[in-house]
Structures are given as structure tokens and as C-alpha cells.
Amino acid sequence: MRKMVWSGLTLALISSVAQAQEAPKGPAAVTPVGAVRPIESALTTSAATAAAATGEAASAQDASAKQDSATLDFFRKIEISGFVDTYYTYNFNRPSNPCATVGSVAVSNCLYNFNVAHNSLSLNLAEVALEKKPTADSRAGFRVDLDYGPSATMVNAFEPGGSTYQNIEQAYVSFLAPAGTGLQIDFGKFVTMMGNEVIETKDNWNYSRGLLFALAIPYYHTGARLTYSPSSKVTLQAHVVNGWNNAQDNNTGKSIGGAVTLKPTGALTIIENVMFGPEQTDNNDDWRKISDTIVTYTATKQLTLAANYDHGQDTVNGSKVMWHGIAGYAKYQANDWFALSPRVEWYRDSDGFSTGTDQTLKEATVTAELKHKDGIIMRLEYRGDFSDEPFFSKRLAQTVKSQNTFTVGLIYAFSTKAQ
């Protein structure tokens, strides 16, 4: 009996010890309320925060990528171009005194635009232009041309608004209206549509500008211009502007005009420009009228011909004045880097409106062009001007009927537009 009791006590003791040894394992196996859950909650919150931060970073990255894409897309549509134009002209009359002063620029080579300095290494013009052309996919556009140099001063010398606009050759906004093939509307300051030559030397065949460019037509206009091409062979244009060379108007009247461009064949282009309107200061009654005709013909792959005729008239102090002239051009492009371009002109200033003297002028020019693929253009030019009156300056105080010059022009031009 004692033995059985002892055995029971022994088993009870062994069982109690075993339970005591296993007791520490109990809390790990059973999760008391509030013991481990705060750690799990912190981990869950941290993961959620990290996920939110990752999402925000991804969203910010997406937004930045979209912004970069939009910026690049905008600038892809903009062409940036420009040039630096320099020259040296020697006048064989060796004038000591300028024959005129236009703005603040002394003109030693009479009637010239814009290589007016004699025996001087000179800057002609530096230009930077930005343009976004309106298209069916992006109908708004603009153009800004910023000009610096003596030529910019000469172009704006008669601006009623003064020097405020001197460095802005062009600045206008454009909209391509969804009408037919597209009606382009421009509003602002833009260069004239008239003439076979332009302000930018690089875009002409000769280095110097001819008599018609210098004397017969305006440089620029400010107002509205509409352009429409019903077909590839016809372009129509109409404009309402302040007048000739007026960013700020000199009267309350407006000038109206238009142009028709015809391309009957791939080789022939005919342009007719007209403009009518009051141009005298504080005078809306006397209207200036001008007709400008340009014909260009590509005779062969190497040879292109052009002709320009201008006829203008006005009323000044109650008297009728008239001027007209014709110019002929040729360009022989021998190869990619060499071209030869002669030009001849005849100009009648019967009332002295353009030159201050009743005279008939003639000029003949020949220009050799050397062009490098990296944008450098060199032009060597010989020009002779002739009048039926003693008009050109010579040496100290003489005036003679002719003037001969030799010019070396050097231009660097660039553009982001793919060639």
C-alpha cells in the first residue's frame, strides 16, 4: 500500500516538473492580446506608407516625364535660325563725306542698302529668329525676328514710334483657321511682301540691295495679313496695315493691299502685289499707290532668271509724284559651292520723291558666291551706279555721275530646321 502511494506521488511530481519545464513555451505558442499585434500594426503602417511614397514618386515621375515630353514636343515645332553678316566695301570715288545720314548711319556709298560704309571692316546685321508655323495639328503659331546692327537702324529710321521697334524686324502671331485648305491669319509687324530682294543678305542672289529695294518699296508693315492657297498653283493674300514702315501709325487712315502668286508650272512663278492708302503725316486724303510685279523662271537646273517691276505714285503738298523702275536678275549655280549672279536695273525718279533729285538711275552688278556646307557664305561683288545728274560723292566735295564699288561679304547662317 505504501509503495503504491509513493509511486503515485512520484508520478505526480514528475508530471508537475514536466509541466513546469514546458511552461515558458506557453506564451510563445499562445498570443496574448496586445503582446505582438502592435508590432504587426507598425509593420503594416510602414509598408503602407512606403507604398504610398512609392506611388507618389511614380506619379511625380510620370508627371515630370509628361512635362518633359510636352516641352520637347513644343520645341520640336519651333525653328531657331539666324545669321551674322559682315562686309568690306571699297568705293573708287573715295568719298570723304557721307552723301546722306539715315537714322544715325552715315551713308558713304550713295543709294546703297545696307553696305553703306567705305573702306571700313563693318558689321551689317546680326539676326536671331524663332518661328512656330501653324498647322492643322497645331493651329496657333508665331514668329519673332530680332535684328541688331546698322541695317536695323536704317530699316527703322523713319518709324513714327522711334527706336522702340528698332530691333524687332518681325513679331506676329498666327492662326490657321479651318477653312478650305486653311486660311492663315497673321497679326503684328511683318516684312513687306513686295520686291524680289529682302533684308537678309543670305536670301538674296547679290550682296548689295538694288535700287528698287532701296528706293521703290517699303521695308515692313504692321497690321493684319490673310493668306489662302486654294491650290498648289495659286496663293491669295490680303492685308490691312498702318502703312509703309509704320509700327505706330502717322495718321488715322489705313492702307489696304493684296497679292496673287501664280505657279502655272514648276519652273515659273508670277507674283503681283498692290497697296493703296494714305501715307502722309496727319493726312488721310492723299493716297499712295504702288504696283509690284515679280517673275521668276527656272530655265535649267543651274540657271534661274528673275525680273521685278515697280510703279508708284503719291501726292505731296498738293503735287503728284511718281517713280518706277525695272530690274533683271540671273543666278548660275555651277555646283554646290559656287554661283555667279549678275543684276541690271533702271530707275526713274521723275519728281525726286525717292532720291531728292529729278534723275534717271542705272546700275549693274556681278556677284560671285562661295558657300561652305557648314553655313559660311562669301560673296565677292563689283557694282557700278550711273545717273544722268551729278549725284554721287567723290573725294572731298565733288559730285559726279557715277560710282563704282567692290565688296567682300562674309556671312554665317544657321537653322535648326532639318535640311
Protein backbone atom coordinates (compact mmCIF):
# COMPACT_ATOMS: atom_id res chain seq x y z
CA MET A 1 0.00 0.00 0.00
CA ARG A 2 2.76 2.47 0.93
CA LYS A 3 4.51 1.52 -2.25
CA MET A 4 1.52 2.40 -4.39
CA VAL A 5 1.09 5.77 -2.67
CA TRP A 6 4.75 6.57 -3.19
CA SER A 7 4.53 5.63 -6.83
CA GLY A 8 1.52 7.94 -7.25
CA LEU A 9 3.32 10.80 -5.57
CA THR A 10 6.38 10.20 -7.73
CA LEU A 11 4.32 10.31 -10.95
CA ALA A 12 2.55 13.46 -9.81
CA LEU A 13 5.90 15.11 -9.04
CA ILE A 14 7.36 14.11 -12.41
CA SER A 15 4.27 15.44 -14.18
CA SER A 16 4.46 18.72 -12.26
CA VAL A 17 8.16 19.15 -13.13
CA ALA A 18 7.45 18.39 -16.78
CA GLN A 19 4.71 21.00 -16.87
CA ALA A 20 6.99 23.49 -15.13
CA GLN A 21 9.71 22.90 -17.73
CA GLU A 22 7.25 23.32 -20.61
CA ALA A 23 5.62 26.47 -19.09
CA PRO A 24 7.99 29.08 -20.75
CA LYS A 25 6.96 27.76 -24.13
CA GLY A 26 3.33 28.63 -23.48
CA PRO A 27 3.40 32.44 -24.17
CA ALA A 28 5.19 31.88 -27.48
CA ALA A 29 2.62 29.39 -28.62
CA VAL A 30 -0.41 31.40 -27.41
CA THR A 31 -0.65 35.05 -28.44
CA PRO A 32 -1.88 37.23 -25.57
CA VAL A 33 -4.00 40.22 -26.54
CA GLY A 34 -1.81 43.29 -27.11
CA ALA A 35 1.51 41.46 -26.91
CA VAL A 36 2.56 41.10 -30.62
CA ARG A 37 -0.22 42.96 -32.55
CA PRO A 38 1.34 46.49 -32.10
CA ILE A 39 4.49 45.30 -33.91
CA GLU A 40 2.43 43.84 -36.72
CA SER A 41 0.46 47.11 -36.91
CA ALA A 42 3.67 49.18 -37.14
CA LEU A 43 5.00 46.95 -39.89
CA THR A 44 1.72 47.20 -41.78
CA THR A 45 1.64 51.01 -41.40
CA SER A 46 5.27 51.30 -42.53
CA ALA A 47 4.57 49.15 -45.58
CA ALA A 48 1.51 51.23 -46.43
CA THR A 49 3.50 54.46 -46.04
CA ALA A 50 6.29 53.10 -48.23
CA ALA A 51 3.76 52.01 -50.84
CA ALA A 52 2.11 55.45 -50.78
CA ALA A 53 5.50 57.17 -51.09
CA THR A 54 6.40 54.88 -53.97
CA GLY A 55 3.08 55.69 -55.63
CA GLU A 56 3.60 59.43 -55.15
CA ALA A 57 7.14 59.16 -56.52
CA ALA A 58 5.86 57.21 -59.51
CA SER A 59 3.11 59.80 -60.07
CA ALA A 60 5.63 62.66 -59.78
CA GLN A 61 7.94 60.83 -62.16
CA ASP A 62 5.09 60.31 -64.62
CA ALA A 63 4.13 63.99 -64.36
CA SER A 64 7.74 65.04 -64.89
CA ALA A 65 8.05 62.71 -67.88
CA LYS A 66 4.83 64.13 -69.35
CA GLN A 67 6.10 67.68 -68.79
CA ASP A 68 9.43 66.84 -70.42
CA SER A 69 7.60 65.25 -73.34
CA ALA A 70 5.31 68.29 -73.74
CA THR A 71 8.29 70.67 -73.57
CA LEU A 72 10.27 68.68 -76.13
CA ASP A 73 7.22 68.41 -78.37
CA PHE A 74 6.75 72.21 -78.23
CA PHE A 75 10.37 72.99 -79.05
CA ARG A 76 10.41 70.41 -81.86
CA LYS A 77 7.80 72.57 -83.58
CA ILE A 78 9.93 75.74 -83.29
CA GLU A 79 12.63 76.60 -85.79
CA ILE A 80 15.51 78.70 -84.49
CA SER A 81 17.54 80.42 -87.19
CA GLY A 82 19.82 83.39 -87.64
CA PHE A 83 22.97 84.79 -89.13
CA VAL A 84 25.85 87.22 -88.71
CA ASP A 85 26.53 89.41 -91.77
CA THR A 86 29.80 91.34 -92.17
CA TYR A 87 31.42 93.14 -95.11
CA TYR A 88 34.12 95.38 -96.53
CA THR A 89 33.27 97.80 -99.38
CA TYR A 90 35.73 99.98 -101.25
CA ASN A 91 34.28 102.93 -103.16
CA PHE A 92 36.58 104.00 -106.01
CA ASN A 93 35.28 107.60 -105.71
CA ARG A 94 36.92 107.64 -102.26
CA PRO A 95 34.27 109.92 -100.74
CA SER A 96 35.42 111.93 -97.72
CA ASN A 97 31.95 112.98 -96.63
CA PRO A 98 28.75 110.94 -96.49
CA CYS A 99 26.14 111.75 -99.10
CA ALA A 100 23.37 111.15 -96.56
CA THR A 101 22.65 110.09 -92.99
CA VAL A 102 19.85 107.60 -92.38
CA GLY A 103 18.97 107.49 -88.72
CA SER A 104 22.40 107.56 -87.11
CA VAL A 105 24.09 105.73 -90.01
CA ALA A 106 26.35 107.69 -92.37
CA VAL A 107 25.91 106.61 -96.00
CA SER A 108 29.15 106.96 -97.97
CA ASN A 109 28.07 104.66 -100.81
CA CYS A 110 25.20 106.73 -102.18
CA LEU A 111 21.80 104.99 -102.58
CA TYR A 112 23.06 101.72 -101.02
CA ASN A 113 21.23 99.44 -98.60
CA PHE A 114 22.95 98.21 -96.50
CA ASN A 115 26.69 98.11 -97.18
CA VAL A 116 26.95 101.88 -96.87
CA ALA A 117 30.43 102.27 -95.32
CA HIS A 118 33.51 102.97 -97.47
CA ASN A 119 36.89 101.40 -96.71
CA SER A 120 35.78 100.02 -93.36
CA LEU A 121 35.53 96.49 -91.93
CA SER A 122 31.88 96.57 -90.94
CA LEU A 123 29.04 94.70 -89.32
CA ASN A 124 25.94 94.72 -91.48
CA LEU A 125 23.39 92.80 -89.42
CA ALA A 126 23.05 90.09 -86.78
CA GLU A 127 19.73 88.27 -86.50
CA VAL A 128 18.08 85.57 -84.40
CA ALA A 129 14.62 84.31 -85.35
CA LEU A 130 12.14 81.92 -83.72
CA GLU A 131 9.16 80.58 -85.62
CA LYS A 132 6.37 78.09 -84.98
CA LYS A 133 4.36 77.62 -88.14
CA PRO A 134 0.65 76.93 -87.62
CA THR A 135 -0.52 73.55 -88.91
CA ALA A 136 -3.72 71.52 -89.00
CA ASP A 137 -2.48 69.64 -85.92
CA SER A 138 -1.38 72.77 -84.02
CA ARG A 139 -3.22 75.80 -85.38
CA ALA A 140 -1.55 78.56 -83.32
CA GLY A 141 1.87 79.92 -84.24
CA PHE A 142 4.18 82.90 -84.04
CA ARG A 143 7.35 84.44 -85.44
CA VAL A 144 9.89 86.80 -83.88
CA ASP A 145 12.98 88.16 -85.68
CA LEU A 146 15.41 90.18 -83.56
CA ASP A 147 17.90 92.33 -85.51
CA TYR A 148 20.99 94.22 -84.37
CA GLY A 149 23.38 96.40 -86.35
CA PRO A 150 23.42 99.42 -88.69
CA SER A 151 20.93 97.82 -91.08
CA ALA A 152 18.36 97.54 -88.29
CA THR A 153 18.82 101.27 -87.68
CA MET A 154 18.34 102.08 -91.38
CA VAL A 155 15.24 99.90 -91.75
CA ASN A 156 13.52 101.68 -88.85
CA ALA A 157 14.93 105.16 -89.46
CA PHE A 158 11.55 106.63 -90.46
CA GLU A 159 9.45 104.80 -87.86
CA PRO A 160 6.97 107.23 -86.24
CA GLY A 161 7.28 105.28 -82.99
CA GLY A 162 11.01 105.97 -82.74
CA SER A 163 13.66 103.46 -81.71
CA THR A 164 11.24 101.33 -79.63
CA TYR A 165 10.77 98.94 -82.56
CA GLN A 166 14.29 99.14 -83.99
CA ASN A 167 15.43 95.66 -83.01
CA ILE A 168 12.18 93.91 -83.89
CA GLU A 169 12.22 93.14 -87.60
CA GLN A 170 9.15 90.93 -87.26
CA ALA A 171 6.87 89.93 -84.41
CA TYR A 172 3.48 88.45 -85.17
CA VAL A 173 1.05 85.77 -84.03
CA SER A 174 -0.56 83.33 -86.46
CA PHE A 175 -3.67 81.18 -86.59
CA LEU A 176 -4.56 78.62 -89.24
CA ALA A 177 -8.34 78.76 -89.50
CA PRO A 178 -10.05 75.52 -90.61
CA ALA A 179 -11.47 76.99 -93.81
CA GLY A 180 -10.96 75.01 -97.01
CA THR A 181 -7.28 74.20 -97.36
CA GLY A 182 -6.51 76.51 -94.41
CA LEU A 183 -6.70 80.30 -94.01
CA GLN A 184 -3.64 81.69 -92.22
CA ILE A 185 -4.17 84.88 -90.26
CA ASP A 186 -1.12 86.87 -89.08
CA PHE A 187 -1.29 89.91 -86.80
CA GLY A 188 1.66 92.09 -85.81
CA LYS A 189 4.74 93.51 -87.51
CA PHE A 190 5.99 91.72 -90.63
CA VAL A 191 8.32 92.46 -93.54
CA THR A 192 6.81 93.67 -96.79
CA MET A 193 5.56 91.21 -99.36
CA MET A 194 6.94 93.40 -102.17
CA GLY A 195 10.21 93.14 -104.06
CA ASN A 196 12.49 90.42 -105.34
CA GLU A 197 15.05 91.16 -102.63
CA VAL A 198 14.81 91.02 -98.83
CA ILE A 199 16.56 92.44 -95.77
CA GLU A 200 18.51 89.23 -95.10
CA THR A 201 21.60 89.18 -97.37
CA LYS A 202 21.83 85.38 -97.27
CA ASP A 203 18.46 85.06 -99.02
CA ASN A 204 19.40 87.30 -101.97
CA TRP A 205 21.49 86.48 -105.01
CA ASN A 206 23.69 89.59 -104.69
CA TYR A 207 25.38 91.09 -101.66
CA SER A 208 24.19 94.69 -102.11
CA ARG A 209 20.50 95.61 -102.45
CA GLY A 210 19.35 97.06 -105.74
CA LEU A 211 17.75 100.41 -106.50
CA LEU A 212 14.20 99.04 -106.38
CA PHE A 213 14.67 97.62 -102.90
CA ALA A 214 16.29 100.82 -101.62
CA LEU A 215 14.02 103.39 -103.27
CA ALA A 216 10.74 101.99 -104.61
CA ILE A 217 9.13 99.86 -101.88
CA PRO A 218 8.61 99.78 -98.08
CA TYR A 219 10.56 97.62 -95.62
CA TYR A 220 7.75 96.46 -93.31
CA HIS A 221 4.12 96.80 -92.23
CA THR A 222 2.11 96.45 -89.03
CA GLY A 223 -1.41 95.09 -89.13
CA ALA A 224 -3.33 92.00 -90.24
CA ARG A 225 -2.44 89.67 -93.12
CA LEU A 226 -4.55 86.82 -94.51
CA THR A 227 -3.10 84.09 -96.75
CA TYR A 228 -5.04 81.35 -98.54
CA SER A 229 -3.98 78.77 -101.13
CA PRO A 230 -6.96 77.26 -102.96
CA SER A 231 -4.50 75.02 -104.85
CA SER A 232 -0.78 74.37 -105.22
CA LYS A 233 -0.75 76.75 -108.20
CA VAL A 234 -2.47 79.77 -106.61
CA THR A 235 -1.90 81.71 -103.37
CA LEU A 236 -4.01 84.72 -102.42
CA GLN A 237 -3.14 87.34 -99.83
CA ALA A 238 -4.88 90.39 -98.37
CA HIS A 239 -3.77 92.81 -95.69
CA VAL A 240 -4.86 95.87 -93.73
CA VAL A 241 -1.92 97.77 -92.24
CA ASN A 242 -0.92 101.11 -90.74
CA GLY A 243 1.06 101.90 -93.89
CA TRP A 244 4.69 101.99 -95.03
CA ASN A 245 7.24 101.43 -92.27
CA ASN A 246 4.74 102.28 -89.53
CA ALA A 247 4.63 100.20 -86.38
CA GLN A 248 2.94 103.27 -84.93
CA ASP A 249 0.62 104.99 -87.40
CA ASN A 250 1.28 108.57 -88.57
CA ASN A 251 -2.40 109.25 -89.40
CA THR A 252 -5.82 107.75 -88.71
CA GLY A 253 -6.17 106.09 -92.12
CA LYS A 254 -5.17 102.56 -93.02
CA SER A 255 -3.55 101.07 -96.12
CA ILE A 256 -5.06 98.06 -97.85
CA GLY A 257 -3.41 95.67 -100.25
CA GLY A 258 -3.22 92.22 -101.67
CA ALA A 259 -1.13 89.79 -103.62
CA VAL A 260 -1.65 86.95 -106.06
CA THR A 261 1.01 84.26 -106.54
CA LEU A 262 0.65 82.04 -109.61
CA LYS A 263 2.69 78.91 -110.32
CA PRO A 264 1.40 77.67 -113.68
CA THR A 265 4.37 75.29 -113.93
CA GLY A 266 7.06 74.07 -111.60
CA ALA A 267 9.55 76.38 -113.32
CA LEU A 268 7.54 79.64 -113.43
CA THR A 269 6.30 81.87 -110.59
CA ILE A 270 4.44 85.17 -111.06
CA ILE A 271 3.65 87.48 -108.11
CA GLU A 272 1.58 90.66 -108.27
CA ASN A 273 1.46 92.95 -105.19
CA VAL A 274 -0.63 96.12 -104.84
CA MET A 275 -1.15 98.59 -101.99
CA PHE A 276 -3.23 101.75 -101.58
CA GLY A 277 -3.57 104.10 -98.64
CA PRO A 278 -2.74 107.45 -97.03
CA GLU A 279 0.94 107.70 -96.09
CA GLN A 280 1.46 111.41 -95.39
CA THR A 281 1.66 112.50 -91.74
CA ASP A 282 -1.73 113.67 -90.39
CA ASN A 283 -3.21 113.41 -93.90
CA ASN A 284 -5.89 110.86 -94.77
CA ASP A 285 -6.84 112.40 -98.11
CA ASP A 286 -3.81 111.84 -100.35
CA TRP A 287 -3.29 108.16 -101.14
CA ARG A 288 -0.08 106.44 -102.14
CA LYS A 289 -0.42 103.65 -104.70
CA ILE A 290 2.11 101.04 -105.75
CA SER A 291 2.20 98.00 -108.01
CA ASP A 292 4.98 95.45 -107.63
CA THR A 293 5.43 92.59 -110.13
CA ILE A 294 7.93 89.73 -109.78
CA VAL A 295 8.55 86.93 -112.26
CA THR A 296 10.92 84.02 -111.58
CA TYR A 297 11.80 81.32 -114.09
CA THR A 298 14.00 78.27 -113.60
CA ALA A 299 15.49 77.78 -117.05
CA THR A 300 17.70 74.82 -116.18
CA LYS A 301 18.92 73.03 -113.07
CA GLN A 302 21.79 75.52 -112.89
CA LEU A 303 20.22 78.74 -114.26
CA THR A 304 17.42 80.80 -112.69
CA LEU A 305 16.15 84.14 -114.04
CA ALA A 306 14.05 86.85 -112.39
CA ALA A 307 12.56 90.25 -113.17
CA ASN A 308 10.97 92.90 -110.94
CA TYR A 309 8.92 95.95 -111.96
CA ASP A 310 7.67 98.67 -109.58
CA HIS A 311 5.41 101.63 -110.27
CA GLY A 312 4.37 104.06 -107.54
CA GLN A 313 2.70 107.43 -107.14
CA ASP A 314 1.63 109.78 -104.37
CA THR A 315 0.51 113.33 -103.70
CA VAL A 316 2.87 115.52 -101.69
CA ASN A 317 1.95 119.11 -100.79
CA GLY A 318 -0.77 119.03 -103.44
CA SER A 319 1.55 117.85 -106.23
CA LYS A 320 1.55 114.45 -107.91
CA VAL A 321 4.79 112.48 -107.70
CA MET A 322 5.73 109.28 -109.50
CA TRP A 323 8.54 106.72 -109.54
CA HIS A 324 9.08 103.46 -111.40
CA GLY A 325 11.83 101.03 -112.28
CA ILE A 326 12.72 97.58 -113.53
CA ALA A 327 15.39 95.07 -112.53
CA GLY A 328 16.68 91.88 -114.13
CA TYR A 329 18.48 89.08 -112.27
CA ALA A 330 20.21 85.82 -113.12
CA LYS A 331 21.83 83.15 -110.99
CA TYR A 332 24.05 80.43 -112.37
CA GLN A 333 24.62 77.71 -109.75
CA ALA A 334 27.66 75.92 -111.14
CA ASN A 335 27.81 73.43 -108.27
CA ASP A 336 27.02 73.12 -104.56
CA TRP A 337 29.60 75.70 -103.53
CA PHE A 338 29.88 78.26 -106.37
CA ALA A 339 27.36 80.59 -108.03
CA LEU A 340 27.57 83.66 -110.28
CA SER A 341 24.80 86.29 -110.22
CA PRO A 342 24.57 89.39 -112.44
CA ARG A 343 21.93 92.11 -111.91
CA VAL A 344 20.94 95.17 -114.00
CA GLU A 345 18.47 97.96 -113.10
CA TRP A 346 16.84 101.10 -114.49
CA TYR A 347 15.04 103.55 -112.20
CA ARG A 348 13.24 106.82 -112.94
CA ASP A 349 12.68 109.29 -110.09
CA SER A 350 10.95 111.95 -112.16
CA ASP A 351 9.95 114.16 -109.22
CA GLY A 352 12.84 113.50 -106.88
CA PHE A 353 10.49 111.76 -104.42
CA SER A 354 12.87 108.85 -103.71
CA THR A 355 16.30 110.46 -104.07
CA GLY A 356 15.71 114.19 -103.70
CA THR A 357 16.80 114.78 -107.32
CA ASP A 358 14.93 114.52 -110.61
CA GLN A 359 17.09 111.84 -112.22
CA THR A 360 17.30 108.54 -114.06
CA LEU A 361 19.49 105.90 -112.46
CA LYS A 362 21.08 102.70 -113.75
CA GLU A 363 23.16 100.08 -112.02
CA ALA A 364 24.96 96.88 -112.98
CA THR A 365 26.26 94.31 -110.52
CA VAL A 366 28.01 90.95 -110.73
CA THR A 367 28.38 88.75 -107.64
CA ALA A 368 30.40 85.58 -107.13
CA GLU A 369 29.30 83.37 -104.26
CA LEU A 370 31.34 80.74 -102.42
CA LYS A 371 29.35 78.61 -99.98
CA HIS A 372 30.56 76.08 -97.42
CA LYS A 373 28.35 73.24 -96.17
CA ASP A 374 28.79 74.40 -92.55
CA GLY A 375 26.95 77.69 -93.14
CA ILE A 376 29.68 80.10 -94.27
CA ILE A 377 28.89 82.24 -97.33
CA MET A 378 31.43 84.52 -99.00
CA ARG A 379 30.44 86.96 -101.75
CA LEU A 380 32.72 88.98 -103.99
CA GLU A 381 30.88 91.77 -105.78
CA TYR A 382 31.60 94.54 -108.26
CA ARG A 383 28.93 97.20 -108.81
CA GLY A 384 28.57 100.32 -110.91
CA ASP A 385 25.90 103.03 -110.43
CA PHE A 386 25.15 105.72 -113.00
CA SER A 387 22.95 108.85 -113.09
CA ASP A 388 22.10 111.47 -115.71
CA GLU A 389 22.80 114.07 -113.00
CA PRO A 390 25.93 114.67 -110.89
CA PHE A 391 24.73 112.92 -107.76
CA PHE A 392 27.46 110.65 -106.31
CA SER A 393 30.07 111.91 -103.84
CA LYS A 394 33.74 111.90 -104.81
CA ARG A 395 36.72 112.73 -102.64
CA LEU A 396 36.26 115.89 -100.57
CA ALA A 397 33.47 117.90 -102.17
CA GLN A 398 32.90 116.70 -105.73
CA THR A 399 29.69 115.26 -107.14
CA VAL A 400 29.89 113.03 -110.20
CA LYS A 401 27.54 110.95 -112.36
CA SER A 402 28.90 107.52 -111.49
CA GLN A 403 30.09 105.38 -108.61
CA ASN A 404 31.94 102.03 -108.64
CA THR A 405 32.46 99.75 -105.67
CA PHE A 406 34.00 96.41 -104.76
CA THR A 407 32.64 94.41 -101.83
CA VAL A 408 33.71 91.33 -99.89
CA GLY A 409 30.86 89.96 -97.77
CA LEU A 410 31.15 87.18 -95.20
CA ILE A 411 28.04 85.61 -93.66
CA TYR A 412 27.46 82.78 -91.21
CA ALA A 413 23.91 81.39 -91.21
CA PHE A 414 22.33 78.64 -89.11
CA SER A 415 18.98 76.91 -88.62
CA THR A 416 17.61 74.05 -86.54
CA LYS A 417 15.35 73.04 -89.42
CA ALA A 418 16.34 69.70 -90.92
CA GLN A 419 17.70 70.14 -94.41
